[in-house]
Every structure is written in C-alpha cells, then in structure tokens.
All heavy atoms as atom14 arrays in JSON, in Angstrom:
{
  "sequence": "RLTATAVHHVYTSGHLGELLRAGGFADVELFGGPDGAPYTLGSG",
  "atom14_mask": [
    [1, 1, 1, 1, 1, 1, 1, 1, 1, 1, 1, 0, 0, 0],
    [1, 1, 1, 1, 1, 1, 1, 1, 0, 0, 0, 0, 0, 0],
    [1, 1, 1, 1, 1, 1, 1, 0, 0, 0, 0, 0, 0, 0],
    [1, 1, 1, 1, 1, 0, 0, 0, 0, 0, 0, 0, 0, 0],
    [1, 1, 1, 1, 1, 1, 1, 0, 0, 0, 0, 0, 0, 0],
    [1, 1, 1, 1, 1, 0, 0, 0, 0, 0, 0, 0, 0, 0],
    [1, 1, 1, 1, 1, 1, 1, 0, 0, 0, 0, 0, 0, 0],
    [1, 1, 1, 1, 1, 1, 1, 1, 1, 1, 0, 0, 0, 0],
    [1, 1, 1, 1, 1, 1, 1, 1, 1, 1, 0, 0, 0, 0],
    [1, 1, 1, 1, 1, 1, 1, 0, 0, 0, 0, 0, 0, 0],
    [1, 1, 1, 1, 1, 1, 1, 1, 1, 1, 1, 1, 0, 0],
    [1, 1, 1, 1, 1, 1, 1, 0, 0, 0, 0, 0, 0, 0],
    [1, 1, 1, 1, 1, 1, 0, 0, 0, 0, 0, 0, 0, 0],
    [1, 1, 1, 1, 0, 0, 0, 0, 0, 0, 0, 0, 0, 0],
    [1, 1, 1, 1, 1, 1, 1, 1, 1, 1, 0, 0, 0, 0],
    [1, 1, 1, 1, 1, 1, 1, 1, 0, 0, 0, 0, 0, 0],
    [1, 1, 1, 1, 0, 0, 0, 0, 0, 0, 0, 0, 0, 0],
    [1, 1, 1, 1, 1, 1, 1, 1, 1, 0, 0, 0, 0, 0],
    [1, 1, 1, 1, 1, 1, 1, 1, 0, 0, 0, 0, 0, 0],
    [1, 1, 1, 1, 1, 1, 1, 1, 0, 0, 0, 0, 0, 0],
    [1, 1, 1, 1, 1, 1, 1, 1, 1, 1, 1, 0, 0, 0],
    [1, 1, 1, 1, 1, 0, 0, 0, 0, 0, 0, 0, 0, 0],
    [1, 1, 1, 1, 0, 0, 0, 0, 0, 0, 0, 0, 0, 0],
    [1, 1, 1, 1, 0, 0, 0, 0, 0, 0, 0, 0, 0, 0],
    [1, 1, 1, 1, 1, 1, 1, 1, 1, 1, 1, 0, 0, 0],
    [1, 1, 1, 1, 1, 0, 0, 0, 0, 0, 0, 0, 0, 0],
    [1, 1, 1, 1, 1, 1, 1, 1, 0, 0, 0, 0, 0, 0],
    [1, 1, 1, 1, 1, 1, 1, 0, 0, 0, 0, 0, 0, 0],
    [1, 1, 1, 1, 1, 1, 1, 1, 1, 0, 0, 0, 0, 0],
    [1, 1, 1, 1, 1, 1, 1, 1, 0, 0, 0, 0, 0, 0],
    [1, 1, 1, 1, 1, 1, 1, 1, 1, 1, 1, 0, 0, 0],
    [1, 1, 1, 1, 0, 0, 0, 0, 0, 0, 0, 0, 0, 0],
    [1, 1, 1, 1, 0, 0, 0, 0, 0, 0, 0, 0, 0, 0],
    [1, 1, 1, 1, 1, 1, 1, 0, 0, 0, 0, 0, 0, 0],
    [1, 1, 1, 1, 1, 1, 1, 1, 0, 0, 0, 0, 0, 0],
    [1, 1, 1, 1, 0, 0, 0, 0, 0, 0, 0, 0, 0, 0],
    [1, 1, 1, 1, 1, 0, 0, 0, 0, 0, 0, 0, 0, 0],
    [1, 1, 1, 1, 1, 1, 1, 0, 0, 0, 0, 0, 0, 0],
    [1, 1, 1, 1, 1, 1, 1, 1, 1, 1, 1, 1, 0, 0],
    [1, 1, 1, 1, 1, 1, 1, 0, 0, 0, 0, 0, 0, 0],
    [1, 1, 1, 1, 1, 1, 1, 1, 0, 0, 0, 0, 0, 0],
    [1, 1, 1, 1, 0, 0, 0, 0, 0, 0, 0, 0, 0, 0],
    [1, 1, 1, 1, 1, 1, 0, 0, 0, 0, 0, 0, 0, 0],
    [1, 1, 1, 1, 0, 0, 0, 0, 0, 0, 0, 0, 0, 0]
  ],
  "atom14_positions": [
    [[37.17, 54.19, 69.17], [38.11, 53.09, 69.41], [39.48, 53.68, 69.76], [39.97, 54.58, 69.1], [38.21, 52.21, 68.17], [39.05, 50.95, 68.33], [39.03, 50.16, 67.02], [39.82, 48.95, 67.07], [39.37, 47.76, 67.46], [38.09, 47.64, 67.83], [40.15, 46.7, 67.47], [0.0, 0.0, 0.0], [0.0, 0.0, 0.0], [0.0, 0.0, 0.0]],
    [[40.09, 53.16, 70.84], [41.39, 53.63, 71.29], [42.24, 52.43, 71.7], [41.81, 51.6, 72.5], [41.24, 54.57, 72.49], [42.53, 55.01, 73.2], [43.37, 55.88, 72.29], [42.21, 55.75, 74.49], [0.0, 0.0, 0.0], [0.0, 0.0, 0.0], [0.0, 0.0, 0.0], [0.0, 0.0, 0.0], [0.0, 0.0, 0.0], [0.0, 0.0, 0.0]],
    [[43.45, 52.34, 71.16], [44.4, 51.3, 71.55], [45.61, 51.94, 72.2], [46.19, 52.89, 71.65], [44.84, 50.46, 70.33], [43.7, 49.8, 69.77], [45.87, 49.4, 70.74], [0.0, 0.0, 0.0], [0.0, 0.0, 0.0], [0.0, 0.0, 0.0], [0.0, 0.0, 0.0], [0.0, 0.0, 0.0], [0.0, 0.0, 0.0], [0.0, 0.0, 0.0]],
    [[45.99, 51.45, 73.37], [47.12, 52.01, 74.11], [47.77, 50.91, 74.93], [47.12, 49.92, 75.3], [46.66, 53.15, 75.01], [0.0, 0.0, 0.0], [0.0, 0.0, 0.0], [0.0, 0.0, 0.0], [0.0, 0.0, 0.0], [0.0, 0.0, 0.0], [0.0, 0.0, 0.0], [0.0, 0.0, 0.0], [0.0, 0.0, 0.0], [0.0, 0.0, 0.0]],
    [[49.06, 51.08, 75.21], [49.81, 50.07, 75.96], [50.27, 50.63, 77.31], [50.81, 51.74, 77.37], [51.04, 49.59, 75.16], [50.6, 48.98, 73.95], [51.86, 48.59, 75.97], [0.0, 0.0, 0.0], [0.0, 0.0, 0.0], [0.0, 0.0, 0.0], [0.0, 0.0, 0.0], [0.0, 0.0, 0.0], [0.0, 0.0, 0.0], [0.0, 0.0, 0.0]],
    [[50.04, 49.86, 78.34], [50.48, 50.21, 79.69], [51.68, 49.33, 80.06], [51.74, 48.16, 79.7], [49.35, 50.0, 80.7], [0.0, 0.0, 0.0], [0.0, 0.0, 0.0], [0.0, 0.0, 0.0], [0.0, 0.0, 0.0], [0.0, 0.0, 0.0], [0.0, 0.0, 0.0], [0.0, 0.0, 0.0], [0.0, 0.0, 0.0], [0.0, 0.0, 0.0]],
    [[52.6, 49.91, 80.8], [53.82, 49.22, 81.22], [53.84, 49.16, 82.75], [53.73, 50.2, 83.41], [55.09, 49.94, 80.71], [56.34, 49.19, 81.17], [55.06, 50.09, 79.2], [0.0, 0.0, 0.0], [0.0, 0.0, 0.0], [0.0, 0.0, 0.0], [0.0, 0.0, 0.0], [0.0, 0.0, 0.0], [0.0, 0.0, 0.0], [0.0, 0.0, 0.0]],
    [[53.95, 47.95, 83.3], [54.07, 47.79, 84.75], [55.36, 47.05, 85.05], [55.52, 45.88, 84.68], [52.88, 47.0, 85.31], [51.6, 47.75, 85.24], [50.74, 47.67, 84.16], [51.01, 48.62, 86.11], [49.69, 48.44, 84.38], [49.83, 49.02, 85.55], [0.0, 0.0, 0.0], [0.0, 0.0, 0.0], [0.0, 0.0, 0.0], [0.0, 0.0, 0.0]],
    [[56.28, 47.73, 85.71], [57.53, 47.09, 86.1], [57.29, 46.18, 87.3], [56.55, 46.53, 88.23], [58.57, 48.16, 86.42], [58.99, 48.93, 85.21], [59.97, 48.49, 84.34], [58.52, 50.09, 84.69], [60.11, 49.36, 83.35], [59.24, 50.33, 83.53], [0.0, 0.0, 0.0], [0.0, 0.0, 0.0], [0.0, 0.0, 0.0], [0.0, 0.0, 0.0]],
    [[57.89, 45.02, 87.28], [57.64, 43.98, 88.26], [58.8, 43.95, 89.27], [59.97, 43.91, 88.87], [57.49, 42.61, 87.57], [57.34, 41.5, 88.6], [56.28, 42.64, 86.63], [0.0, 0.0, 0.0], [0.0, 0.0, 0.0], [0.0, 0.0, 0.0], [0.0, 0.0, 0.0], [0.0, 0.0, 0.0], [0.0, 0.0, 0.0], [0.0, 0.0, 0.0]],
    [[58.47, 43.95, 90.55], [59.45, 43.87, 91.63], [59.04, 42.76, 92.58], [57.86, 42.52, 92.79], [59.53, 45.19, 92.41], [59.84, 46.4, 91.58], [58.82, 47.18, 91.04], [61.16, 46.76, 91.31], [59.1, 48.29, 90.26], [61.45, 47.88, 90.54], [60.42, 48.63, 90.01], [60.7, 49.73, 89.24], [0.0, 0.0, 0.0], [0.0, 0.0, 0.0]],
    [[60.02, 42.09, 93.17], [59.69, 41.15, 94.23], [59.24, 41.93, 95.47], [59.55, 43.12, 95.63], [60.89, 40.28, 94.61], [61.91, 41.11, 95.19], [61.45, 39.54, 93.4], [0.0, 0.0, 0.0], [0.0, 0.0, 0.0], [0.0, 0.0, 0.0], [0.0, 0.0, 0.0], [0.0, 0.0, 0.0], [0.0, 0.0, 0.0], [0.0, 0.0, 0.0]],
    [[58.52, 41.26, 96.34], [58.1, 41.92, 97.57], [59.32, 42.29, 98.42], [59.31, 43.33, 99.1], [57.15, 41.01, 98.36], [57.75, 39.76, 98.63], [0.0, 0.0, 0.0], [0.0, 0.0, 0.0], [0.0, 0.0, 0.0], [0.0, 0.0, 0.0], [0.0, 0.0, 0.0], [0.0, 0.0, 0.0], [0.0, 0.0, 0.0], [0.0, 0.0, 0.0]],
    [[60.37, 41.48, 98.35], [61.6, 41.81, 99.06], [62.25, 43.08, 98.53], [62.75, 43.91, 99.29], [0.0, 0.0, 0.0], [0.0, 0.0, 0.0], [0.0, 0.0, 0.0], [0.0, 0.0, 0.0], [0.0, 0.0, 0.0], [0.0, 0.0, 0.0], [0.0, 0.0, 0.0], [0.0, 0.0, 0.0], [0.0, 0.0, 0.0], [0.0, 0.0, 0.0]],
    [[62.26, 43.21, 97.21], [62.82, 44.42, 96.59], [62.01, 45.64, 96.97], [62.57, 46.72, 97.25], [62.86, 44.25, 95.07], [63.64, 45.32, 94.36], [63.65, 45.44, 92.99], [64.41, 46.34, 94.82], [64.4, 46.47, 92.64], [64.87, 47.03, 93.74], [0.0, 0.0, 0.0], [0.0, 0.0, 0.0], [0.0, 0.0, 0.0], [0.0, 0.0, 0.0]],
    [[60.69, 45.5, 97.02], [59.85, 46.61, 97.45], [60.23, 47.06, 98.85], [60.38, 48.27, 99.12], [58.38, 46.18, 97.41], [57.36, 47.17, 98.0], [57.35, 48.47, 97.22], [55.97, 46.56, 98.04], [0.0, 0.0, 0.0], [0.0, 0.0, 0.0], [0.0, 0.0, 0.0], [0.0, 0.0, 0.0], [0.0, 0.0, 0.0], [0.0, 0.0, 0.0]],
    [[60.41, 46.11, 99.76], [60.81, 46.46, 101.12], [62.15, 47.17, 101.15], [62.34, 48.14, 101.9], [0.0, 0.0, 0.0], [0.0, 0.0, 0.0], [0.0, 0.0, 0.0], [0.0, 0.0, 0.0], [0.0, 0.0, 0.0], [0.0, 0.0, 0.0], [0.0, 0.0, 0.0], [0.0, 0.0, 0.0], [0.0, 0.0, 0.0], [0.0, 0.0, 0.0]],
    [[63.09, 46.71, 100.33], [64.41, 47.36, 100.28], [64.3, 48.79, 99.78], [64.95, 49.7, 100.3], [65.33, 46.56, 99.36], [65.75, 45.2, 99.91], [66.54, 44.4, 98.9], [66.82, 44.94, 97.79], [66.87, 43.24, 99.19], [0.0, 0.0, 0.0], [0.0, 0.0, 0.0], [0.0, 0.0, 0.0], [0.0, 0.0, 0.0], [0.0, 0.0, 0.0]],
    [[63.47, 49.01, 98.75], [63.27, 50.36, 98.23], [62.72, 51.3, 99.3], [63.18, 52.44, 99.44], [62.31, 50.32, 97.05], [62.85, 49.89, 95.69], [61.7, 49.62, 94.73], [63.76, 50.97, 95.11], [0.0, 0.0, 0.0], [0.0, 0.0, 0.0], [0.0, 0.0, 0.0], [0.0, 0.0, 0.0], [0.0, 0.0, 0.0], [0.0, 0.0, 0.0]],
    [[61.75, 50.81, 100.05], [61.15, 51.65, 101.08], [62.13, 51.95, 102.21], [62.25, 53.1, 102.65], [59.89, 50.97, 101.63], [58.75, 50.78, 100.63], [57.57, 50.07, 101.29], [58.3, 52.1, 100.03], [0.0, 0.0, 0.0], [0.0, 0.0, 0.0], [0.0, 0.0, 0.0], [0.0, 0.0, 0.0], [0.0, 0.0, 0.0], [0.0, 0.0, 0.0]],
    [[62.85, 50.93, 102.66], [63.81, 51.16, 103.74], [64.94, 52.08, 103.29], [65.38, 52.96, 104.05], [64.34, 49.83, 104.26], [63.33, 49.07, 105.13], [63.93, 47.83, 105.73], [64.03, 46.77, 104.74], [63.07, 45.87, 104.5], [61.93, 45.92, 105.17], [63.24, 44.94, 103.59], [0.0, 0.0, 0.0], [0.0, 0.0, 0.0], [0.0, 0.0, 0.0]],
    [[65.42, 51.91, 102.07], [66.48, 52.78, 101.55], [65.99, 54.22, 101.37], [66.79, 55.16, 101.43], [67.0, 52.24, 100.22], [0.0, 0.0, 0.0], [0.0, 0.0, 0.0], [0.0, 0.0, 0.0], [0.0, 0.0, 0.0], [0.0, 0.0, 0.0], [0.0, 0.0, 0.0], [0.0, 0.0, 0.0], [0.0, 0.0, 0.0], [0.0, 0.0, 0.0]],
    [[64.68, 54.38, 101.17], [64.12, 55.71, 100.97], [63.73, 56.43, 102.24], [63.14, 57.53, 102.17], [0.0, 0.0, 0.0], [0.0, 0.0, 0.0], [0.0, 0.0, 0.0], [0.0, 0.0, 0.0], [0.0, 0.0, 0.0], [0.0, 0.0, 0.0], [0.0, 0.0, 0.0], [0.0, 0.0, 0.0], [0.0, 0.0, 0.0], [0.0, 0.0, 0.0]],
    [[64.0, 55.85, 103.4], [63.74, 56.53, 104.66], [62.57, 56.0, 105.45], [62.07, 56.67, 106.36], [0.0, 0.0, 0.0], [0.0, 0.0, 0.0], [0.0, 0.0, 0.0], [0.0, 0.0, 0.0], [0.0, 0.0, 0.0], [0.0, 0.0, 0.0], [0.0, 0.0, 0.0], [0.0, 0.0, 0.0], [0.0, 0.0, 0.0], [0.0, 0.0, 0.0]],
    [[62.14, 54.75, 105.15], [60.98, 54.17, 105.84], [61.38, 53.0, 106.73], [62.4, 52.34, 106.5], [59.93, 53.73, 104.82], [59.28, 54.87, 104.1], [59.77, 55.3, 102.88], [58.2, 55.54, 104.66], [59.18, 56.37, 102.22], [57.62, 56.61, 104.01], [58.1, 57.03, 102.78], [0.0, 0.0, 0.0], [0.0, 0.0, 0.0], [0.0, 0.0, 0.0]],
    [[60.55, 52.74, 107.71], [60.75, 51.63, 108.63], [59.41, 50.92, 108.83], [58.37, 51.36, 108.34], [61.29, 52.13, 109.97], [0.0, 0.0, 0.0], [0.0, 0.0, 0.0], [0.0, 0.0, 0.0], [0.0, 0.0, 0.0], [0.0, 0.0, 0.0], [0.0, 0.0, 0.0], [0.0, 0.0, 0.0], [0.0, 0.0, 0.0], [0.0, 0.0, 0.0]],
    [[59.45, 49.82, 109.59], [58.23, 49.07, 109.93], [57.42, 48.69, 108.69], [56.2, 48.86, 108.63], [57.34, 49.88, 110.9], [58.04, 50.2, 112.2], [58.95, 49.44, 112.58], [57.7, 51.22, 112.82], [0.0, 0.0, 0.0], [0.0, 0.0, 0.0], [0.0, 0.0, 0.0], [0.0, 0.0, 0.0], [0.0, 0.0, 0.0], [0.0, 0.0, 0.0]],
    [[58.12, 48.16, 107.67], [57.46, 47.76, 106.43], [56.66, 46.49, 106.67], [57.18, 45.49, 107.19], [58.5, 47.52, 105.32], [57.81, 47.04, 104.03], [59.31, 48.79, 105.06], [0.0, 0.0, 0.0], [0.0, 0.0, 0.0], [0.0, 0.0, 0.0], [0.0, 0.0, 0.0], [0.0, 0.0, 0.0], [0.0, 0.0, 0.0], [0.0, 0.0, 0.0]],
    [[55.38, 46.53, 106.34], [54.5, 45.36, 106.46], [53.82, 45.09, 105.13], [53.51, 46.02, 104.37], [53.45, 45.59, 107.55], [54.0, 45.69, 108.95], [52.89, 45.73, 109.99], [52.37, 44.65, 110.36], [52.54, 46.85, 110.4], [0.0, 0.0, 0.0], [0.0, 0.0, 0.0], [0.0, 0.0, 0.0], [0.0, 0.0, 0.0], [0.0, 0.0, 0.0]],
    [[53.56, 43.8, 104.85], [52.96, 43.37, 103.6], [51.65, 42.65, 103.87], [51.58, 41.77, 104.73], [53.91, 42.43, 102.85], [55.34, 42.91, 102.62], [56.14, 41.83, 101.9], [55.37, 44.21, 101.85], [0.0, 0.0, 0.0], [0.0, 0.0, 0.0], [0.0, 0.0, 0.0], [0.0, 0.0, 0.0], [0.0, 0.0, 0.0], [0.0, 0.0, 0.0]],
    [[50.61, 43.01, 103.1], [49.29, 42.41, 103.26], [48.76, 41.98, 101.89], [49.09, 42.56, 100.86], [48.32, 43.41, 103.9], [48.78, 43.95, 105.22], [49.49, 45.14, 105.28], [48.51, 43.27, 106.4], [49.93, 45.64, 106.5], [48.95, 43.76, 107.62], [49.66, 44.95, 107.67], [0.0, 0.0, 0.0], [0.0, 0.0, 0.0], [0.0, 0.0, 0.0]],
    [[47.91, 40.97, 101.91], [47.34, 40.45, 100.67], [46.08, 41.17, 100.24], [45.49, 40.82, 99.21], [0.0, 0.0, 0.0], [0.0, 0.0, 0.0], [0.0, 0.0, 0.0], [0.0, 0.0, 0.0], [0.0, 0.0, 0.0], [0.0, 0.0, 0.0], [0.0, 0.0, 0.0], [0.0, 0.0, 0.0], [0.0, 0.0, 0.0], [0.0, 0.0, 0.0]],
    [[45.64, 42.17, 100.98], [44.44, 42.92, 100.63], [44.01, 43.8, 101.77], [44.6, 43.77, 102.86], [0.0, 0.0, 0.0], [0.0, 0.0, 0.0], [0.0, 0.0, 0.0], [0.0, 0.0, 0.0], [0.0, 0.0, 0.0], [0.0, 0.0, 0.0], [0.0, 0.0, 0.0], [0.0, 0.0, 0.0], [0.0, 0.0, 0.0], [0.0, 0.0, 0.0]],
    [[42.95, 44.59, 101.58], [42.51, 45.52, 102.63], [41.91, 44.84, 103.85], [41.69, 45.5, 104.87], [41.46, 46.38, 101.91], [40.99, 45.55, 100.78], [42.16, 44.74, 100.35], [0.0, 0.0, 0.0], [0.0, 0.0, 0.0], [0.0, 0.0, 0.0], [0.0, 0.0, 0.0], [0.0, 0.0, 0.0], [0.0, 0.0, 0.0], [0.0, 0.0, 0.0]],
    [[41.68, 43.53, 103.79], [41.2, 42.82, 104.97], [42.32, 42.5, 105.94], [42.08, 41.94, 107.02], [40.46, 41.54, 104.58], [41.34, 40.56, 103.81], [42.51, 40.89, 103.5], [40.86, 39.45, 103.5], [0.0, 0.0, 0.0], [0.0, 0.0, 0.0], [0.0, 0.0, 0.0], [0.0, 0.0, 0.0], [0.0, 0.0, 0.0], [0.0, 0.0, 0.0]],
    [[43.57, 42.85, 105.57], [44.71, 42.62, 106.45], [45.28, 41.23, 106.4], [46.16, 40.89, 107.21], [0.0, 0.0, 0.0], [0.0, 0.0, 0.0], [0.0, 0.0, 0.0], [0.0, 0.0, 0.0], [0.0, 0.0, 0.0], [0.0, 0.0, 0.0], [0.0, 0.0, 0.0], [0.0, 0.0, 0.0], [0.0, 0.0, 0.0], [0.0, 0.0, 0.0]],
    [[44.84, 40.39, 105.46], [45.38, 39.04, 105.34], [46.86, 39.11, 104.97], [47.3, 40.04, 104.29], [44.61, 38.26, 104.26], [0.0, 0.0, 0.0], [0.0, 0.0, 0.0], [0.0, 0.0, 0.0], [0.0, 0.0, 0.0], [0.0, 0.0, 0.0], [0.0, 0.0, 0.0], [0.0, 0.0, 0.0], [0.0, 0.0, 0.0], [0.0, 0.0, 0.0]],
    [[47.65, 38.13, 105.4], [49.08, 38.14, 105.07], [49.29, 38.03, 103.56], [48.5, 37.4, 102.85], [49.62, 36.89, 105.79], [48.6, 36.54, 106.81], [47.29, 36.99, 106.26], [0.0, 0.0, 0.0], [0.0, 0.0, 0.0], [0.0, 0.0, 0.0], [0.0, 0.0, 0.0], [0.0, 0.0, 0.0], [0.0, 0.0, 0.0], [0.0, 0.0, 0.0]],
    [[50.35, 38.67, 103.08], [50.72, 38.53, 101.67], [51.47, 37.22, 101.49], [52.44, 36.95, 102.21], [51.61, 39.71, 101.24], [51.99, 39.63, 99.78], [51.03, 39.86, 98.78], [53.28, 39.33, 99.39], [51.37, 39.79, 97.44], [53.63, 39.26, 98.04], [52.66, 39.49, 97.07], [53.0, 39.41, 95.73], [0.0, 0.0, 0.0], [0.0, 0.0, 0.0]],
    [[51.02, 36.4, 100.55], [51.64, 35.1, 100.31], [51.85, 34.9, 98.82], [51.34, 35.66, 97.98], [50.74, 33.97, 100.84], [49.47, 34.0, 100.16], [50.51, 34.09, 102.34], [0.0, 0.0, 0.0], [0.0, 0.0, 0.0], [0.0, 0.0, 0.0], [0.0, 0.0, 0.0], [0.0, 0.0, 0.0], [0.0, 0.0, 0.0], [0.0, 0.0, 0.0]],
    [[52.6, 33.88, 98.46], [52.84, 33.56, 97.07], [51.5, 33.32, 96.37], [50.69, 32.51, 96.82], [53.71, 32.31, 96.97], [54.19, 31.91, 95.58], [55.14, 32.97, 95.02], [54.87, 30.55, 95.61], [0.0, 0.0, 0.0], [0.0, 0.0, 0.0], [0.0, 0.0, 0.0], [0.0, 0.0, 0.0], [0.0, 0.0, 0.0], [0.0, 0.0, 0.0]],
    [[51.28, 34.04, 95.27], [50.03, 33.92, 94.54], [48.94, 34.9, 94.93], [47.9, 34.94, 94.28], [0.0, 0.0, 0.0], [0.0, 0.0, 0.0], [0.0, 0.0, 0.0], [0.0, 0.0, 0.0], [0.0, 0.0, 0.0], [0.0, 0.0, 0.0], [0.0, 0.0, 0.0], [0.0, 0.0, 0.0], [0.0, 0.0, 0.0], [0.0, 0.0, 0.0]],
    [[49.15, 35.69, 95.98], [48.17, 36.73, 96.33], [47.99, 37.66, 95.14], [48.97, 38.09, 94.52], [48.62, 37.54, 97.54], [48.65, 36.75, 98.72], [0.0, 0.0, 0.0], [0.0, 0.0, 0.0], [0.0, 0.0, 0.0], [0.0, 0.0, 0.0], [0.0, 0.0, 0.0], [0.0, 0.0, 0.0], [0.0, 0.0, 0.0], [0.0, 0.0, 0.0]],
    [[46.76, 38.01, 94.83], [46.5, 38.84, 93.66], [46.85, 40.29, 93.83], [46.91, 41.04, 92.85], [0.0, 0.0, 0.0], [0.0, 0.0, 0.0], [0.0, 0.0, 0.0], [0.0, 0.0, 0.0], [0.0, 0.0, 0.0], [0.0, 0.0, 0.0], [0.0, 0.0, 0.0], [0.0, 0.0, 0.0], [0.0, 0.0, 0.0], [0.0, 0.0, 0.0]]
  ]
}
C-alpha cells in the first residue's frame, strides 16, 4: 500500500500561449486531442 500526493498547477490556455511566446516560440496552436479537434471550453 502506498499513499502519495500529486500537484498539478492550473493555467489558462491563454497563459500557456503567453509562456510559450515569451520563451521563444511562435505559431502556437491549441487542440482538444490527437485527432486535431479544436480546443474548446470543457475539452478534457
């Protein structure tokens, strides 16, 4: 038996884009999964 806690910091998709652009990236695109569907509110 093993009990452990994981921590996941939550960012908005807009904040994610800002982090990437500030870090030297361009052409940021967001998808809702590997099928290439658009990322929308509630996408898992």
